[in-house]
Amino acid sequence: ASDQRGQVVAAVELEGDVLRNRTHIRGVLRDGSLYDFALPELGERGSTGEKGANGGQSDGDAFIGHQTRDGWWIKARLEDGEYHVARSKPGDRNVSYKRVSADS
């Protein structure tokens, strides 16, 4: 379609067993950017170094799902290491997206 519907794909997989597991997410954004990351196991700390309730550490990306100081929500880690972020004004249905480096 001319609006690029149908070019976006997402896969969400649960890896592990009942007691130790994590979510792995990968896909393609509408601009063709690839994303591929895992979320930290529940109660574990991810790659940001935040300590989880269970005191362990996983290789998941703990930045995903958090808000930056300037109001952007971190949605995905892109294949090149940058992040896909989004925000909108309160009450507004329009969403803005951009890419930011991990250092931002």
PDB file of N, CA and C in Angstrom:
ATOM      1  N   ALA A   1       0.838  -1.185   0.000  1.00  0.00           N
ATOM      2  CA  ALA A   1       0.000   0.000   0.000  1.00  0.00           C
ATOM      3  C   ALA A   1       0.881   1.245   0.000  1.00  0.00           C
ATOM      4  N   SER A   2       0.371   2.337  -0.512  1.00  0.00           N
ATOM      5  CA  SER A   2       1.151   3.570  -0.588  1.00  0.00           C
ATOM      6  C   SER A   2       1.498   4.130   0.788  1.00  0.00           C
ATOM      7  N   ASP A   3       0.725   3.781   1.819  1.00  0.00           N
ATOM      8  CA  ASP A   3       1.023   4.259   3.172  1.00  0.00           C
ATOM      9  C   ASP A   3       1.960   3.314   3.923  1.00  0.00           C
ATOM     10  N   GLN A   4       2.525   2.362   3.251  1.00  0.00           N
ATOM     11  CA  GLN A   4       3.519   1.422   3.760  1.00  0.00           C
ATOM     12  C   GLN A   4       2.955   0.403   4.745  1.00  0.00           C
ATOM     13  N   ARG A   5       1.641   0.274   4.839  1.00  0.00           N
ATOM     14  CA  ARG A   5       1.105  -0.804   5.672  1.00  0.00           C
ATOM     15  C   ARG A   5       1.530  -2.122   5.060  1.00  0.00           C
ATOM     16  N   GLY A   6       1.757  -3.097   5.895  1.00  0.00           N
ATOM     17  CA  GLY A   6       2.174  -4.397   5.420  1.00  0.00           C
ATOM     18  C   GLY A   6       3.678  -4.563   5.374  1.00  0.00           C
ATOM     19  N   GLN A   7       4.428  -3.493   5.577  1.00  0.00           N
ATOM     20  CA  GLN A   7       5.882  -3.585   5.573  1.00  0.00           C
ATOM     21  C   GLN A   7       6.438  -3.689   6.990  1.00  0.00           C
ATOM     22  N   VAL A   8       5.573  -3.629   7.975  1.00  0.00           N
ATOM     23  CA  VAL A   8       5.984  -3.684   9.376  1.00  0.00           C
ATOM     24  C   VAL A   8       5.706  -5.091   9.903  1.00  0.00           C
ATOM     25  N   VAL A   9       6.642  -5.602  10.681  1.00  0.00           N
ATOM     26  CA  VAL A   9       6.461  -6.930  11.270  1.00  0.00           C
ATOM     27  C   VAL A   9       7.024  -6.926  12.687  1.00  0.00           C
ATOM     28  N   ALA A  10       6.430  -7.718  13.566  1.00  0.00           N
ATOM     29  CA  ALA A  10       6.919  -7.847  14.941  1.00  0.00           C
ATOM     30  C   ALA A  10       6.786  -9.291  15.377  1.00  0.00           C
ATOM     31  N   ALA A  11       7.770  -9.746  16.144  1.00  0.00           N
ATOM     32  CA  ALA A  11       7.730 -11.079  16.733  1.00  0.00           C
ATOM     33  C   ALA A  11       8.053 -10.943  18.215  1.00  0.00           C
ATOM     34  N   VAL A  12       7.235 -11.558  19.043  1.00  0.00           N
ATOM     35  CA  VAL A  12       7.441 -11.555  20.485  1.00  0.00           C
ATOM     36  C   VAL A  12       7.531 -13.007  20.928  1.00  0.00           C
ATOM     37  N   GLU A  13       8.661 -13.353  21.546  1.00  0.00           N
ATOM     38  CA  GLU A  13       8.871 -14.725  21.985  1.00  0.00           C
ATOM     39  C   GLU A  13       9.196 -14.756  23.468  1.00  0.00           C
ATOM     40  N   LEU A  14       8.639 -15.730  24.159  1.00  0.00           N
ATOM     41  CA  LEU A  14       8.986 -15.970  25.554  1.00  0.00           C
ATOM     42  C   LEU A  14      10.008 -17.093  25.564  1.00  0.00           C
ATOM     43  N   GLU A  15      11.151 -16.834  26.204  1.00  0.00           N
ATOM     44  CA  GLU A  15      12.243 -17.807  26.235  1.00  0.00           C
ATOM     45  C   GLU A  15      12.473 -18.265  27.661  1.00  0.00           C
ATOM     46  N   GLY A  16      12.793 -19.531  27.834  1.00  0.00           N
ATOM     47  CA  GLY A  16      13.107 -20.056  29.154  1.00  0.00           C
ATOM     48  C   GLY A  16      12.044 -21.006  29.644  1.00  0.00           C
ATOM     49  N   ASP A  17      12.015 -21.182  30.957  1.00  0.00           N
ATOM     50  CA  ASP A  17      11.033 -22.083  31.549  1.00  0.00           C
ATOM     51  C   ASP A  17      10.110 -21.294  32.474  1.00  0.00           C
ATOM     52  N   VAL A  18       9.294 -21.992  33.237  1.00  0.00           N
ATOM     53  CA  VAL A  18       8.289 -21.347  34.074  1.00  0.00           C
ATOM     54  C   VAL A  18       8.916 -20.439  35.139  1.00  0.00           C
ATOM     55  N   LEU A  19      10.053 -20.837  35.692  1.00  0.00           N
ATOM     56  CA  LEU A  19      10.666 -20.064  36.773  1.00  0.00           C
ATOM     57  C   LEU A  19      11.654 -19.010  36.308  1.00  0.00           C
ATOM     58  N   ARG A  20      12.320 -19.227  35.199  1.00  0.00           N
ATOM     59  CA  ARG A  20      13.294 -18.257  34.665  1.00  0.00           C
ATOM     60  C   ARG A  20      13.003 -18.057  33.191  1.00  0.00           C
ATOM     61  N   ASN A  21      12.537 -16.883  32.863  1.00  0.00           N
ATOM     62  CA  ASN A  21      12.219 -16.618  31.464  1.00  0.00           C
ATOM     63  C   ASN A  21      12.367 -15.141  31.162  1.00  0.00           C
ATOM     64  N   ARG A  22      12.332 -14.826  29.888  1.00  0.00           N
ATOM     65  CA  ARG A  22      12.408 -13.434  29.449  1.00  0.00           C
ATOM     66  C   ARG A  22      11.646 -13.300  28.136  1.00  0.00           C
ATOM     67  N   THR A  23      11.423 -12.051  27.774  1.00  0.00           N
ATOM     68  CA  THR A  23      10.726 -11.735  26.529  1.00  0.00           C
ATOM     69  C   THR A  23      11.744 -11.222  25.512  1.00  0.00           C
ATOM     70  N   HIS A  24      11.715 -11.803  24.313  1.00  0.00           N
ATOM     71  CA  HIS A  24      12.597 -11.387  23.215  1.00  0.00           C
ATOM     72  C   HIS A  24      11.707 -10.787  22.126  1.00  0.00           C
ATOM     73  N   ILE A  25      12.035  -9.580  21.682  1.00  0.00           N
ATOM     74  CA  ILE A  25      11.209  -8.853  20.717  1.00  0.00           C
ATOM     75  C   ILE A  25      12.076  -8.444  19.533  1.00  0.00           C
ATOM     76  N   ARG A  26      11.582  -8.687  18.326  1.00  0.00           N
ATOM     77  CA  ARG A  26      12.316  -8.269  17.131  1.00  0.00           C
ATOM     78  C   ARG A  26      11.322  -7.965  16.024  1.00  0.00           C
ATOM     79  N   GLY A  27      11.785  -7.183  15.037  1.00  0.00           N
ATOM     80  CA  GLY A  27      10.913  -6.854  13.928  1.00  0.00           C
ATOM     81  C   GLY A  27      11.484  -5.760  13.044  1.00  0.00           C
ATOM     82  N   VAL A  28      10.577  -5.164  12.248  1.00  0.00           N
ATOM     83  CA  VAL A  28      10.921  -4.115  11.300  1.00  0.00           C
ATOM     84  C   VAL A  28       9.945  -2.960  11.496  1.00  0.00           C
ATOM     85  N   LEU A  29      10.481  -1.737  11.650  1.00  0.00           N
ATOM     86  CA  LEU A  29       9.637  -0.543  11.745  1.00  0.00           C
ATOM     87  C   LEU A  29       9.204  -0.091  10.360  1.00  0.00           C
ATOM     88  N   ARG A  30       8.272   0.843  10.288  1.00  0.00           N
ATOM     89  CA  ARG A  30       7.750   1.290   8.997  1.00  0.00           C
ATOM     90  C   ARG A  30       8.788   1.967   8.122  1.00  0.00           C
ATOM     91  N   ASP A  31       9.896   2.484   8.732  1.00  0.00           N
ATOM     92  CA  ASP A  31      10.956   3.090   7.924  1.00  0.00           C
ATOM     93  C   ASP A  31      12.004   2.058   7.489  1.00  0.00           C
ATOM     94  N   GLY A  32      11.760   0.786   7.813  1.00  0.00           N
ATOM     95  CA  GLY A  32      12.675  -0.283   7.427  1.00  0.00           C
ATOM     96  C   GLY A  32      13.739  -0.598   8.462  1.00  0.00           C
ATOM     97  N   SER A  33      13.791   0.164   9.562  1.00  0.00           N
ATOM     98  CA  SER A  33      14.770  -0.088  10.625  1.00  0.00           C
ATOM     99  C   SER A  33      14.460  -1.416  11.317  1.00  0.00           C
ATOM    100  N   LEU A  34      15.506  -2.185  11.580  1.00  0.00           N
ATOM    101  CA  LEU A  34      15.357  -3.463  12.278  1.00  0.00           C
ATOM    102  C   LEU A  34      15.560  -3.257  13.771  1.00  0.00           C
ATOM    103  N   TYR A  35      14.776  -3.949  14.581  1.00  0.00           N
ATOM    104  CA  TYR A  35      14.983  -3.933  16.027  1.00  0.00           C
ATOM    105  C   TYR A  35      15.038  -5.361  16.534  1.00  0.00           C
ATOM    106  N   ASP A  36      15.811  -5.553  17.599  1.00  0.00           N
ATOM    107  CA  ASP A  36      16.014  -6.886  18.157  1.00  0.00           C
ATOM    108  C   ASP A  36      16.579  -6.705  19.558  1.00  0.00           C
ATOM    109  N   PHE A  37      15.807  -7.072  20.584  1.00  0.00           N
ATOM    110  CA  PHE A  37      16.257  -6.910  21.961  1.00  0.00           C
ATOM    111  C   PHE A  37      15.480  -7.854  22.860  1.00  0.00           C
ATOM    112  N   ALA A  38      16.019  -8.052  24.044  1.00  0.00           N
ATOM    113  CA  ALA A  38      15.337  -8.826  25.081  1.00  0.00           C
ATOM    114  C   ALA A  38      15.083  -7.907  26.263  1.00  0.00           C
ATOM    115  N   LEU A  39      14.008  -8.166  26.966  1.00  0.00           N
ATOM    116  CA  LEU A  39      13.728  -7.451  28.211  1.00  0.00           C
ATOM    117  C   LEU A  39      14.377  -8.222  29.355  1.00  0.00           C
ATOM    118  N   PRO A  40      14.756  -7.543  30.435  1.00  0.00           N
ATOM    119  CA  PRO A  40      15.337  -8.259  31.573  1.00  0.00           C
ATOM    120  C   PRO A  40      14.324  -9.238  32.165  1.00  0.00           C
ATOM    121  N   GLU A  41      14.844 -10.306  32.745  1.00  0.00           N
ATOM    122  CA  GLU A  41      13.963 -11.217  33.469  1.00  0.00           C
ATOM    123  C   GLU A  41      13.330 -10.444  34.613  1.00  0.00           C
ATOM    124  N   LEU A  42      12.105 -10.797  34.967  1.00  0.00           N
ATOM    125  CA  LEU A  42      11.446 -10.135  36.089  1.00  0.00           C
ATOM    126  C   LEU A  42      12.298 -10.296  37.344  1.00  0.00           C
ATOM    127  N   GLY A  43      12.485  -9.214  38.069  1.00  0.00           N
ATOM    128  CA  GLY A  43      13.259  -9.240  39.297  1.00  0.00           C
ATOM    129  C   GLY A  43      14.761  -9.193  39.089  1.00  0.00           C
ATOM    130  N   GLU A  44      15.221  -9.118  37.862  1.00  0.00           N
ATOM    131  CA  GLU A  44      16.655  -9.069  37.581  1.00  0.00           C
ATOM    132  C   GLU A  44      17.020  -7.669  37.135  1.00  0.00           C
ATOM    133  N   ARG A  45      18.299  -7.372  37.095  1.00  0.00           N
ATOM    134  CA  ARG A  45      18.731  -6.079  36.575  1.00  0.00           C
ATOM    135  C   ARG A  45      19.206  -6.284  35.148  1.00  0.00           C
ATOM    136  N   GLY A  46      18.948  -5.309  34.333  1.00  0.00           N
ATOM    137  CA  GLY A  46      19.323  -5.406  32.933  1.00  0.00           C
ATOM    138  C   GLY A  46      20.616  -4.679  32.636  1.00  0.00           C
ATOM    139  N   SER A  47      20.805  -4.355  31.385  1.00  0.00           N
ATOM    140  CA  SER A  47      22.058  -3.773  30.929  1.00  0.00           C
ATOM    141  C   SER A  47      22.310  -2.362  31.451  1.00  0.00           C
ATOM    142  N   THR A  48      21.338  -1.749  32.113  1.00  0.00           N
ATOM    143  CA  THR A  48      21.577  -0.423  32.693  1.00  0.00           C
ATOM    144  C   THR A  48      22.273  -0.534  34.041  1.00  0.00           C
ATOM    145  N   GLY A  49      22.348  -1.736  34.587  1.00  0.00           N
ATOM    146  CA  GLY A  49      22.983  -1.924  35.874  1.00  0.00           C
ATOM    147  C   GLY A  49      22.041  -1.785  37.049  1.00  0.00           C
ATOM    148  N   GLU A  50      20.751  -1.554  36.783  1.00  0.00           N
ATOM    149  CA  GLU A  50      19.797  -1.449  37.873  1.00  0.00           C
ATOM    150  C   GLU A  50      19.631  -2.811  38.534  1.00  0.00           C
ATOM    151  N   LYS A  51      19.690  -2.837  39.852  1.00  0.00           N
ATOM    152  CA  LYS A  51      19.570  -4.093  40.572  1.00  0.00           C
ATOM    153  C   LYS A  51      18.099  -4.454  40.744  1.00  0.00           C
ATOM    154  N   GLY A  52      17.763  -5.688  40.428  1.00  0.00           N
ATOM    155  CA  GLY A  52      16.398  -6.161  40.547  1.00  0.00           C
ATOM    156  C   GLY A  52      16.105  -6.718  41.930  1.00  0.00           C
ATOM    157  N   ALA A  53      14.852  -7.058  42.159  1.00  0.00           N
ATOM    158  CA  ALA A  53      14.410  -7.562  43.453  1.00  0.00           C
ATOM    159  C   ALA A  53      15.091  -8.877  43.821  1.00  0.00           C
ATOM    160  N   ASN A  54      15.414  -9.711  42.834  1.00  0.00           N
ATOM    161  CA  ASN A  54      16.053 -10.994  43.101  1.00  0.00           C
ATOM    162  C   ASN A  54      17.566 -10.883  43.197  1.00  0.00           C
ATOM    163  N   GLY A  55      18.121  -9.697  42.948  1.00  0.00           N
ATOM    164  CA  GLY A  55      19.542  -9.478  43.096  1.00  0.00           C
ATOM    165  C   GLY A  55      20.392  -9.995  41.958  1.00  0.00           C
ATOM    166  N   GLY A  56      19.808 -10.542  40.940  1.00  0.00           N
ATOM    167  CA  GLY A  56      20.557 -11.100  39.826  1.00  0.00           C
ATOM    168  C   GLY A  56      20.750 -10.105  38.715  1.00  0.00           C
ATOM    169  N   GLN A  57      21.343 -10.573  37.634  1.00  0.00           N
ATOM    170  CA  GLN A  57      21.547  -9.723  36.464  1.00  0.00           C
ATOM    171  C   GLN A  57      21.220 -10.523  35.218  1.00  0.00           C
ATOM    172  N   SER A  58      20.521  -9.910  34.284  1.00  0.00           N
ATOM    173  CA  SER A  58      20.237 -10.545  33.005  1.00  0.00           C
ATOM    174  C   SER A  58      20.807  -9.665  31.909  1.00  0.00           C
ATOM    175  N   ASP A  59      20.845 -10.181  30.706  1.00  0.00           N
ATOM    176  CA  ASP A  59      21.379  -9.401  29.590  1.00  0.00           C
ATOM    177  C   ASP A  59      20.299  -8.615  28.872  1.00  0.00           C
ATOM    178  N   GLY A  60      19.114  -8.512  29.441  1.00  0.00           N
ATOM    179  CA  GLY A  60      18.040  -7.752  28.827  1.00  0.00           C
ATOM    180  C   GLY A  60      18.291  -6.256  28.890  1.00  0.00           C
ATOM    181  N   ASP A  61      17.593  -5.517  28.035  1.00  0.00           N
ATOM    182  CA  ASP A  61      17.756  -4.065  27.956  1.00  0.00           C
ATOM    183  C   ASP A  61      16.760  -3.398  28.896  1.00  0.00           C
ATOM    184  N   ALA A  62      17.252  -2.866  29.994  1.00  0.00           N
ATOM    185  CA  ALA A  62      16.388  -2.272  31.013  1.00  0.00           C
ATOM    186  C   ALA A  62      15.923  -0.863  30.676  1.00  0.00           C
ATOM    187  N   PHE A  63      16.410  -0.261  29.573  1.00  0.00           N
ATOM    188  CA  PHE A  63      15.944   1.065  29.178  1.00  0.00           C
ATOM    189  C   PHE A  63      14.560   1.022  28.523  1.00  0.00           C
ATOM    190  N   ILE A  64      14.239  -0.079  27.866  1.00  0.00           N
ATOM    191  CA  ILE A  64      12.972  -0.204  27.137  1.00  0.00           C
ATOM    192  C   ILE A  64      11.803   0.001  28.100  1.00  0.00           C
ATOM    193  N   GLY A  65      10.843   0.823  27.691  1.00  0.00           N
ATOM    194  CA  GLY A  65       9.657   1.065  28.500  1.00  0.00           C
ATOM    195  C   GLY A  65       9.797   2.193  29.506  1.00  0.00           C
ATOM    196  N   HIS A  66      10.954   2.825  29.542  1.00  0.00           N
ATOM    197  CA  HIS A  66      11.169   3.937  30.470  1.00  0.00           C
ATOM    198  C   HIS A  66      11.120   5.268  29.723  1.00  0.00           C
ATOM    199  N   GLN A  67      10.878   6.327  30.483  1.00  0.00           N
ATOM    200  CA  GLN A  67      10.779   7.666  29.910  1.00  0.00           C
ATOM    201  C   GLN A  67      12.078   8.429  30.142  1.00  0.00           C
ATOM    202  N   THR A  68      12.515   9.152  29.110  1.00  0.00           N
ATOM    203  CA  THR A  68      13.716   9.968  29.232  1.00  0.00           C
ATOM    204  C   THR A  68      13.394  11.253  30.000  1.00  0.00           C
ATOM    205  N   ARG A  69      14.425  11.959  30.412  1.00  0.00           N
ATOM    206  CA  ARG A  69      14.219  13.212  31.148  1.00  0.00           C
ATOM    207  C   ARG A  69      13.449  14.245  30.344  1.00  0.00           C
ATOM    208  N   ASP A  70      13.578  14.193  29.021  1.00  0.00           N
ATOM    209  CA  ASP A  70      12.872  15.173  28.184  1.00  0.00           C
ATOM    210  C   ASP A  70      11.536  14.656  27.645  1.00  0.00           C
ATOM    211  N   GLY A  71      11.003  13.572  28.220  1.00  0.00           N
ATOM    212  CA  GLY A  71       9.635  13.151  27.928  1.00  0.00           C
ATOM    213  C   GLY A  71       9.444  12.130  26.831  1.00  0.00           C
ATOM    214  N   TRP A  72      10.495  11.564  26.266  1.00  0.00           N
ATOM    215  CA  TRP A  72      10.364  10.542  25.227  1.00  0.00           C
ATOM    216  C   TRP A  72      10.314   9.157  25.872  1.00  0.00           C
ATOM    217  N   TRP A  73       9.474   8.277  25.325  1.00  0.00           N
ATOM    218  CA  TRP A  73       9.383   6.899  25.803  1.00  0.00           C
ATOM    219  C   TRP A  73      10.270   6.012  24.940  1.00  0.00           C
ATOM    220  N   ILE A  74      11.096   5.210  25.576  1.00  0.00           N
ATOM    221  CA  ILE A  74      12.004   4.315  24.856  1.00  0.00           C
ATOM    222  C   ILE A  74      11.223   3.068  24.457  1.00  0.00           C
ATOM    223  N   LYS A  75      11.093   2.867  23.146  1.00  0.00           N
ATOM    224  CA  LYS A  75      10.257   1.798  22.611  1.00  0.00           C
ATOM    225  C   LYS A  75      11.030   0.572  22.162  1.00  0.00           C
ATOM    226  N   ALA A  76      12.219   0.760  21.575  1.00  0.00           N
ATOM    227  CA  ALA A  76      12.956  -0.379  21.024  1.00  0.00           C
ATOM    228  C   ALA A  76      14.424  -0.038  20.855  1.00  0.00           C
ATOM    229  N   ARG A  77      15.291  -1.067  20.974  1.00  0.00           N
ATOM    230  CA  ARG A  77      16.700  -0.906  20.634  1.00  0.00           C
ATOM    231  C   ARG A  77      16.875  -1.378  19.200  1.00  0.00           C
ATOM    232  N   LEU A  78      17.400  -0.493  18.371  1.00  0.00           N
ATOM    233  CA  LEU A  78      17.569  -0.791  16.955  1.00  0.00           C
ATOM    234  C   LEU A  78      18.838  -1.597  16.728  1.00  0.00           C
ATOM    235  N   GLU A  79      18.904  -2.203  15.565  1.00  0.00           N
ATOM    236  CA  GLU A  79      20.009  -3.084  15.230  1.00  0.00           C
ATOM    237  C   GLU A  79      21.374  -2.387  15.328  1.00  0.00           C
ATOM    238  N   ASP A  80      21.412  -1.081  15.045  1.00  0.00           N
ATOM    239  CA  ASP A  80      22.675  -0.338  15.091  1.00  0.00           C
ATOM    240  C   ASP A  80      23.023   0.182  16.494  1.00  0.00           C
ATOM    241  N   GLY A  81      22.212  -0.170  17.497  1.00  0.00           N
ATOM    242  CA  GLY A  81      22.478   0.235  18.875  1.00  0.00           C
ATOM    243  C   GLY A  81      21.754   1.489  19.310  1.00  0.00           C
ATOM    244  N   GLU A  82      21.143   2.218  18.363  1.00  0.00           N
ATOM    245  CA  GLU A  82      20.353   3.394  18.734  1.00  0.00           C
ATOM    246  C   GLU A  82      18.996   2.934  19.271  1.00  0.00           C
ATOM    247  N   TYR A  83      18.247   3.893  19.815  1.00  0.00           N
ATOM    248  CA  TYR A  83      16.917   3.587  20.346  1.00  0.00           C
ATOM    249  C   TYR A  83      15.837   4.301  19.540  1.00  0.00           C
ATOM    250  N   HIS A  84      14.706   3.635  19.378  1.00  0.00           N
ATOM    251  CA  HIS A  84      13.502   4.188  18.767  1.00  0.00           C
ATOM    252  C   HIS A  84      12.664   4.714  19.924  1.00  0.00           C
ATOM    253  N   VAL A  85      12.367   6.031  19.909  1.00  0.00           N
ATOM    254  CA  VAL A  85      11.625   6.648  20.999  1.00  0.00           C
ATOM    255  C   VAL A  85      10.380   7.347  20.452  1.00  0.00           C
ATOM    256  N   ALA A  86       9.413   7.567  21.327  1.00  0.00           N
ATOM    257  CA  ALA A  86       8.149   8.182  20.916  1.00  0.00           C
ATOM    258  C   ALA A  86       7.627   9.088  22.024  1.00  0.00           C
ATOM    259  N   ARG A  87       6.840  10.091  21.610  1.00  0.00           N
ATOM    260  CA  ARG A  87       6.133  10.932  22.586  1.00  0.00           C
ATOM    261  C   ARG A  87       4.968  11.612  21.901  1.00  0.00           C
ATOM    262  N   SER A  88       4.028  12.065  22.729  1.00  0.00           N
ATOM    263  CA  SER A  88       2.900  12.857  22.241  1.00  0.00           C
ATOM    264  C   SER A  88       2.520  13.840  23.332  1.00  0.00           C
ATOM    265  N   LYS A  89       1.792  14.857  22.947  1.00  0.00           N
ATOM    266  CA  LYS A  89       1.311  15.833  23.917  1.00  0.00           C
ATOM    267  C   LYS A  89       0.098  15.245  24.621  1.00  0.00           C
ATOM    268  N   PRO A  90      -0.111  15.575  25.897  1.00  0.00           N
ATOM    269  CA  PRO A  90      -1.284  15.066  26.613  1.00  0.00           C
ATOM    270  C   PRO A  90      -2.576  15.376  25.847  1.00  0.00           C
ATOM    271  N   GLY A  91      -3.399  14.368  25.662  1.00  0.00           N
ATOM    272  CA  GLY A  91      -4.660  14.527  24.960  1.00  0.00           C
ATOM    273  C   GLY A  91      -4.553  14.526  23.452  1.00  0.00           C
ATOM    274  N   ASP A  92      -3.353  14.438  22.923  1.00  0.00           N
ATOM    275  CA  ASP A  92      -3.136  14.464  21.475  1.00  0.00           C
ATOM    276  C   ASP A  92      -2.931  13.037  20.966  1.00  0.00           C
ATOM    277  N   ARG A  93      -3.559  12.681  19.875  1.00  0.00           N
ATOM    278  CA  ARG A  93      -3.424  11.337  19.307  1.00  0.00           C
ATOM    279  C   ARG A  93      -2.233  11.218  18.366  1.00  0.00           C
ATOM    280  N   ASN A  94      -1.633  12.344  18.014  1.00  0.00           N
ATOM    281  CA  ASN A  94      -0.469  12.311  17.129  1.00  0.00           C
ATOM    282  C   ASN A  94       0.775  11.950  17.929  1.00  0.00           C
ATOM    283  N   VAL A  95       1.531  10.994  17.400  1.00  0.00           N
ATOM    284  CA  VAL A  95       2.748  10.532  18.070  1.00  0.00           C
ATOM    285  C   VAL A  95       3.951  10.897  17.214  1.00  0.00           C
ATOM    286  N   SER A  96       4.975  11.439  17.852  1.00  0.00           N
ATOM    287  CA  SER A  96       6.230  11.755  17.173  1.00  0.00           C
ATOM    288  C   SER A  96       7.240  10.663  17.511  1.00  0.00           C
ATOM    289  N   TYR A  97       8.057  10.307  16.528  1.00  0.00           N
ATOM    290  CA  TYR A  97       9.095   9.293  16.705  1.00  0.00           C
ATOM    291  C   TYR A  97      10.438   9.865  16.304  1.00  0.00           C
ATOM    292  N   LYS A  98      11.495   9.357  16.919  1.00  0.00           N
ATOM    293  CA  LYS A  98      12.843   9.700  16.486  1.00  0.00           C
ATOM    294  C   LYS A  98      13.803   8.620  16.970  1.00  0.00           C
ATOM    295  N   ARG A  99      15.034   8.704  16.509  1.00  0.00           N
ATOM    296  CA  ARG A  99      16.101   7.817  16.928  1.00  0.00           C
ATOM    297  C   ARG A  99      17.039   8.595  17.839  1.00  0.00           C
ATOM    298  N   VAL A 100      17.527   7.944  18.868  1.00  0.00           N
ATOM    299  CA  VAL A 100      18.515   8.564  19.756  1.00  0.00           C
ATOM    300  C   VAL A 100      19.624   7.557  20.032  1.00  0.00           C
ATOM    301  N   SER A 101      20.808   8.081  20.303  1.00  0.00           N
ATOM    302  CA  SER A 101      21.914   7.199  20.621  1.00  0.00           C
ATOM    303  C   SER A 101      21.776   6.713  22.067  1.00  0.00           C
ATOM    304  N   ALA A 102      22.439   5.643  22.380  1.00  0.00           N
ATOM    305  CA  ALA A 102      22.400   5.096  23.733  1.00  0.00           C
ATOM    306  C   ALA A 102      23.020   6.067  24.734  1.00  0.00           C
ATOM    307  N   ASP A 103      23.865   6.973  24.260  1.00  0.00           N
ATOM    308  CA  ASP A 103      24.521   7.943  25.136  1.00  0.00           C
ATOM    309  C   ASP A 103      23.647   9.131  25.478  1.00  0.00           C
ATOM    310  N   SER A 104      22.525   9.291  24.784  1.00  0.00           N
ATOM    311  CA  SER A 104      21.661  10.467  24.984  1.00  0.00           C
ATOM    312  C   SER A 104      20.929  10.430  26.302  1.00  0.00           C
TER     313      SER A 104
END
